[in-house]
Structure formats: C-alpha cells, structure tokens
Amino acid sequence: MTPNADGPGMQWFTAARLGMFIHWGLYSTPGHHEWLQTYQKIAPEVYEKYSKYFDPDLYDPVHWVKTAKAAGMKYMVLTTNHHEGFSMWDTKLGDFNCINTPL
C-alpha cells in the first residue's frame, strides 16, 4: 500500500513538523538497543529473564507530554510492542509484558 502523499493525514503530519518518538522497552534493562536479542544471539528463554528486572523507574508520561508540549511538539508516538514480543501493556496473548515486571 502506497501512502497518499496529498491526503489529509500526510498534510497534518507535514504541518505538525515536530513530534516525539519513544522507542523503549525490555532491551533497555541491560542498557542496549532494541536489536540486542538478535545481534547478541540471545535465546528467547535467556532474554525473557530480563523481564524480572525491567523496572522503568523514570516512567512519567505526564512529564513526557509536558516536555514535548513545551518544546513545541504536536504529537507523540510510543512503541508499545516490539519485534521480540515484549508488550508495554497487559495483553491476553501472553505474559511477556510490562505488567508482569516489577513495575
């Protein structure tokens, strides 16, 4: 599917110009990038152990929104499910999510 470059969504996106993209998840526990499991060839059963230590102590979405607005940002995008399967919400598809961490 090719996006409509002249459609209302693209017009809004172009006019908004500045936004915040938050790509954050389980891989931040050991202080690495989102492809940690793949690049380091970590088996799923080993990688899943990071969820026991995932404690986003700086999780403060109200502060994020205030900061984004103060900087003139018009939108925010939060990655909520990652390619390794870890979800940033309670999902019925499994227990590999932030609800089942020390959060």
N, C-alpha and C. Protein backbone atom coordinates (compact mmCIF):
# COMPACT_ATOMS: atom_id res chain seq x y z
N MET A 1 0.84 -1.17 0.00
CA MET A 1 0.00 0.00 0.00
C MET A 1 0.89 1.24 0.00
N THR A 2 0.64 2.12 -0.92
CA THR A 2 1.39 3.37 -1.01
C THR A 2 0.61 4.47 -0.31
N PRO A 3 1.25 5.16 0.64
CA PRO A 3 0.53 6.24 1.32
C PRO A 3 0.20 7.37 0.36
N ASN A 4 -0.91 8.02 0.62
CA ASN A 4 -1.33 9.14 -0.19
C ASN A 4 -0.60 10.39 0.30
N ALA A 5 0.40 10.83 -0.44
CA ALA A 5 1.21 11.96 -0.02
C ALA A 5 0.42 13.26 0.03
N ASP A 6 -0.73 13.28 -0.62
CA ASP A 6 -1.55 14.50 -0.62
C ASP A 6 -2.77 14.38 0.29
N GLY A 7 -2.91 13.24 0.98
CA GLY A 7 -4.08 13.02 1.83
C GLY A 7 -4.05 13.88 3.08
N PRO A 8 -5.20 13.95 3.77
CA PRO A 8 -5.28 14.80 4.96
C PRO A 8 -4.33 14.38 6.08
N GLY A 9 -4.08 13.08 6.22
CA GLY A 9 -3.16 12.62 7.25
C GLY A 9 -1.75 13.10 6.99
N MET A 10 -1.32 13.01 5.75
CA MET A 10 0.03 13.46 5.40
C MET A 10 0.13 14.98 5.48
N GLN A 11 -0.94 15.68 5.13
CA GLN A 11 -0.94 17.14 5.24
C GLN A 11 -0.80 17.54 6.70
N TRP A 12 -1.54 16.86 7.58
CA TRP A 12 -1.45 17.16 9.01
C TRP A 12 -0.03 16.87 9.52
N PHE A 13 0.51 15.71 9.15
CA PHE A 13 1.84 15.32 9.60
C PHE A 13 2.89 16.33 9.15
N THR A 14 2.80 16.78 7.92
CA THR A 14 3.74 17.75 7.38
C THR A 14 3.61 19.09 8.12
N ALA A 15 2.39 19.50 8.40
CA ALA A 15 2.17 20.76 9.11
C ALA A 15 2.61 20.67 10.57
N ALA A 16 2.44 19.51 11.20
CA ALA A 16 2.82 19.35 12.61
C ALA A 16 4.32 19.48 12.79
N ARG A 17 5.08 18.99 11.85
CA ARG A 17 6.53 19.09 11.76
C ARG A 17 7.33 18.43 12.88
N LEU A 18 7.03 18.71 14.13
CA LEU A 18 7.88 18.23 15.22
C LEU A 18 7.09 17.34 16.17
N GLY A 19 7.62 16.15 16.44
CA GLY A 19 6.97 15.23 17.36
C GLY A 19 8.01 14.44 18.14
N MET A 20 7.53 13.67 19.09
CA MET A 20 8.43 12.86 19.93
C MET A 20 8.13 11.39 19.67
N PHE A 21 9.17 10.63 19.38
CA PHE A 21 9.05 9.19 19.16
C PHE A 21 9.79 8.49 20.29
N ILE A 22 9.06 7.70 21.07
CA ILE A 22 9.64 7.00 22.21
C ILE A 22 9.68 5.51 21.88
N HIS A 23 10.88 5.00 21.70
CA HIS A 23 11.08 3.59 21.40
C HIS A 23 11.86 3.00 22.57
N TRP A 24 11.13 2.35 23.45
CA TRP A 24 11.70 1.97 24.73
C TRP A 24 11.06 0.66 25.16
N GLY A 25 11.84 -0.19 25.77
CA GLY A 25 11.28 -1.48 26.18
C GLY A 25 12.26 -2.32 26.96
N LEU A 26 12.03 -3.60 26.94
CA LEU A 26 12.79 -4.56 27.74
C LEU A 26 14.30 -4.48 27.49
N TYR A 27 14.70 -4.24 26.26
CA TYR A 27 16.12 -4.20 25.92
C TYR A 27 16.86 -3.08 26.65
N SER A 28 16.12 -2.11 27.21
CA SER A 28 16.78 -1.03 27.96
C SER A 28 17.30 -1.52 29.32
N THR A 29 16.81 -2.66 29.79
CA THR A 29 17.25 -3.20 31.08
C THR A 29 18.76 -3.41 31.12
N PRO A 30 19.35 -4.08 30.13
CA PRO A 30 20.81 -4.21 30.15
C PRO A 30 21.52 -3.00 29.53
N GLY A 31 20.75 -1.96 29.13
CA GLY A 31 21.34 -0.75 28.59
C GLY A 31 21.77 -0.86 27.14
N HIS A 32 20.97 -1.55 26.34
CA HIS A 32 21.31 -1.75 24.93
C HIS A 32 20.20 -1.25 24.02
N HIS A 33 20.40 -1.45 22.74
CA HIS A 33 19.45 -1.06 21.71
C HIS A 33 18.41 -2.16 21.49
N GLU A 34 17.38 -1.83 20.70
CA GLU A 34 16.26 -2.75 20.53
C GLU A 34 16.59 -4.06 19.81
N TRP A 35 17.72 -4.14 19.14
CA TRP A 35 18.09 -5.38 18.45
C TRP A 35 19.06 -6.23 19.27
N LEU A 36 19.13 -5.98 20.57
CA LEU A 36 20.03 -6.71 21.45
C LEU A 36 19.90 -8.22 21.29
N GLN A 37 18.70 -8.73 21.39
CA GLN A 37 18.49 -10.18 21.34
C GLN A 37 18.99 -10.76 20.02
N THR A 38 18.70 -10.09 18.93
CA THR A 38 19.11 -10.59 17.62
C THR A 38 20.62 -10.50 17.41
N TYR A 39 21.18 -9.32 17.65
CA TYR A 39 22.60 -9.12 17.38
C TYR A 39 23.51 -9.92 18.31
N GLN A 40 23.07 -10.10 19.56
CA GLN A 40 23.87 -10.86 20.51
C GLN A 40 23.53 -12.34 20.52
N LYS A 41 22.57 -12.72 19.65
CA LYS A 41 22.14 -14.12 19.52
C LYS A 41 21.74 -14.72 20.89
N ILE A 42 20.86 -13.99 21.58
CA ILE A 42 20.39 -14.42 22.90
C ILE A 42 19.14 -15.27 22.72
N ALA A 43 19.15 -16.47 23.25
CA ALA A 43 17.99 -17.37 23.16
C ALA A 43 16.79 -16.74 23.87
N PRO A 44 15.57 -16.96 23.35
CA PRO A 44 14.37 -16.38 23.97
C PRO A 44 14.24 -16.66 25.46
N GLU A 45 14.54 -17.88 25.87
CA GLU A 45 14.41 -18.22 27.30
C GLU A 45 15.41 -17.46 28.17
N VAL A 46 16.53 -17.08 27.60
CA VAL A 46 17.52 -16.28 28.33
C VAL A 46 17.09 -14.80 28.31
N TYR A 47 16.68 -14.33 27.16
CA TYR A 47 16.26 -12.93 27.02
C TYR A 47 15.06 -12.60 27.91
N GLU A 48 14.14 -13.53 28.02
CA GLU A 48 12.93 -13.32 28.83
C GLU A 48 13.27 -13.05 30.29
N LYS A 49 14.42 -13.50 30.75
CA LYS A 49 14.81 -13.28 32.15
C LYS A 49 15.01 -11.79 32.44
N TYR A 50 15.29 -10.99 31.42
CA TYR A 50 15.42 -9.54 31.63
C TYR A 50 14.12 -8.95 32.18
N SER A 51 12.99 -9.57 31.87
CA SER A 51 11.72 -9.02 32.33
C SER A 51 11.60 -9.02 33.86
N LYS A 52 12.35 -9.88 34.54
CA LYS A 52 12.35 -9.89 36.00
C LYS A 52 12.96 -8.61 36.57
N TYR A 53 13.76 -7.93 35.76
CA TYR A 53 14.48 -6.75 36.21
C TYR A 53 14.01 -5.45 35.56
N PHE A 54 13.04 -5.55 34.68
CA PHE A 54 12.53 -4.37 33.98
C PHE A 54 11.73 -3.52 34.97
N ASP A 55 12.31 -2.42 35.37
CA ASP A 55 11.70 -1.52 36.35
C ASP A 55 11.85 -0.09 35.84
N PRO A 56 10.91 0.35 35.02
CA PRO A 56 11.02 1.69 34.44
C PRO A 56 10.76 2.78 35.47
N ASP A 57 11.73 2.99 36.34
CA ASP A 57 11.57 3.93 37.44
C ASP A 57 11.41 5.38 36.97
N LEU A 58 11.78 5.68 35.75
CA LEU A 58 11.61 7.03 35.24
C LEU A 58 10.38 7.15 34.33
N TYR A 59 9.50 6.18 34.39
CA TYR A 59 8.27 6.22 33.60
C TYR A 59 7.39 7.33 34.13
N ASP A 60 7.23 8.38 33.36
CA ASP A 60 6.45 9.53 33.78
C ASP A 60 5.82 10.17 32.53
N PRO A 61 4.76 9.56 32.00
CA PRO A 61 4.17 10.07 30.75
C PRO A 61 3.63 11.49 30.87
N VAL A 62 3.18 11.90 32.05
CA VAL A 62 2.70 13.28 32.21
C VAL A 62 3.87 14.25 31.97
N HIS A 63 5.02 13.93 32.53
CA HIS A 63 6.21 14.76 32.32
C HIS A 63 6.63 14.75 30.85
N TRP A 64 6.55 13.59 30.21
CA TRP A 64 6.91 13.49 28.80
C TRP A 64 6.04 14.42 27.95
N VAL A 65 4.73 14.39 28.23
CA VAL A 65 3.81 15.23 27.45
C VAL A 65 4.08 16.71 27.71
N LYS A 66 4.27 17.09 28.96
CA LYS A 66 4.57 18.49 29.28
C LYS A 66 5.86 18.94 28.60
N THR A 67 6.87 18.09 28.61
CA THR A 67 8.15 18.42 27.98
C THR A 67 7.98 18.56 26.47
N ALA A 68 7.25 17.64 25.87
CA ALA A 68 7.01 17.69 24.43
C ALA A 68 6.26 18.96 24.05
N LYS A 69 5.22 19.28 24.79
CA LYS A 69 4.45 20.50 24.51
C LYS A 69 5.31 21.75 24.66
N ALA A 70 6.11 21.79 25.72
CA ALA A 70 6.98 22.94 25.96
C ALA A 70 7.99 23.13 24.82
N ALA A 71 8.37 22.04 24.18
CA ALA A 71 9.31 22.10 23.07
C ALA A 71 8.62 22.38 21.74
N GLY A 72 7.28 22.49 21.76
CA GLY A 72 6.54 22.78 20.54
C GLY A 72 6.14 21.56 19.74
N MET A 73 6.26 20.39 20.34
CA MET A 73 5.89 19.16 19.63
C MET A 73 4.37 19.03 19.55
N LYS A 74 3.91 18.49 18.43
CA LYS A 74 2.48 18.37 18.17
C LYS A 74 1.95 16.95 18.30
N TYR A 75 2.84 15.98 18.42
CA TYR A 75 2.40 14.59 18.54
C TYR A 75 3.47 13.76 19.25
N MET A 76 3.04 12.60 19.75
CA MET A 76 3.96 11.64 20.37
C MET A 76 3.61 10.25 19.87
N VAL A 77 4.63 9.43 19.69
CA VAL A 77 4.45 8.04 19.29
C VAL A 77 5.22 7.18 20.29
N LEU A 78 4.56 6.22 20.88
CA LEU A 78 5.20 5.30 21.82
C LEU A 78 5.12 3.90 21.26
N THR A 79 6.28 3.27 21.06
CA THR A 79 6.30 1.90 20.59
C THR A 79 5.83 1.01 21.74
N THR A 80 4.76 0.29 21.52
CA THR A 80 4.15 -0.48 22.61
C THR A 80 4.33 -1.98 22.49
N ASN A 81 4.78 -2.44 21.33
CA ASN A 81 5.05 -3.87 21.16
C ASN A 81 6.27 -3.98 20.27
N HIS A 82 7.22 -4.77 20.70
CA HIS A 82 8.48 -4.85 19.99
C HIS A 82 8.60 -6.17 19.24
N HIS A 83 9.55 -6.22 18.31
CA HIS A 83 9.73 -7.39 17.46
C HIS A 83 10.06 -8.64 18.26
N GLU A 84 10.64 -8.48 19.46
CA GLU A 84 10.96 -9.66 20.26
C GLU A 84 9.73 -10.16 21.02
N GLY A 85 8.62 -9.44 20.94
CA GLY A 85 7.36 -9.90 21.53
C GLY A 85 6.99 -9.25 22.85
N PHE A 86 7.87 -8.42 23.42
CA PHE A 86 7.59 -7.79 24.70
C PHE A 86 6.59 -6.65 24.49
N SER A 87 5.52 -6.67 25.27
CA SER A 87 4.47 -5.65 25.15
C SER A 87 4.52 -4.67 26.31
N MET A 88 4.23 -3.43 26.02
CA MET A 88 4.22 -2.39 27.03
C MET A 88 2.80 -2.17 27.58
N TRP A 89 1.97 -3.21 27.52
CA TRP A 89 0.62 -3.17 28.07
C TRP A 89 0.21 -4.58 28.43
N ASP A 90 -0.87 -4.70 29.16
CA ASP A 90 -1.39 -6.02 29.54
C ASP A 90 -2.10 -6.62 28.34
N THR A 91 -1.61 -7.73 27.86
CA THR A 91 -2.20 -8.37 26.69
C THR A 91 -2.65 -9.78 27.03
N LYS A 92 -3.72 -10.21 26.39
CA LYS A 92 -4.24 -11.56 26.60
C LYS A 92 -3.46 -12.60 25.80
N LEU A 93 -2.51 -12.13 24.99
CA LEU A 93 -1.75 -13.05 24.14
C LEU A 93 -0.58 -13.71 24.85
N GLY A 94 -0.32 -13.31 26.09
CA GLY A 94 0.78 -13.92 26.83
C GLY A 94 1.19 -13.08 28.02
N ASP A 95 2.16 -13.57 28.76
CA ASP A 95 2.63 -12.89 29.95
C ASP A 95 3.90 -12.08 29.74
N PHE A 96 4.41 -12.05 28.52
CA PHE A 96 5.65 -11.35 28.22
C PHE A 96 5.35 -9.87 28.00
N ASN A 97 5.07 -9.16 29.10
CA ASN A 97 4.69 -7.75 29.03
C ASN A 97 5.09 -7.02 30.31
N CYS A 98 5.01 -5.71 30.28
CA CYS A 98 5.46 -4.91 31.41
C CYS A 98 4.58 -5.07 32.65
N ILE A 99 3.38 -5.55 32.52
CA ILE A 99 2.51 -5.77 33.68
C ILE A 99 3.09 -6.85 34.59
N ASN A 100 3.83 -7.77 34.01
CA ASN A 100 4.42 -8.88 34.78
C ASN A 100 5.89 -8.63 35.14
N THR A 101 6.22 -7.36 35.34
CA THR A 101 7.57 -6.97 35.75
C THR A 101 7.45 -6.24 37.09
N PRO A 102 8.56 -5.89 37.72
CA PRO A 102 8.49 -5.17 39.00
C PRO A 102 7.84 -3.80 38.92
N LEU A 103 7.48 -3.34 37.73
CA LEU A 103 6.85 -2.03 37.51
C LEU A 103 5.87 -1.74 38.61
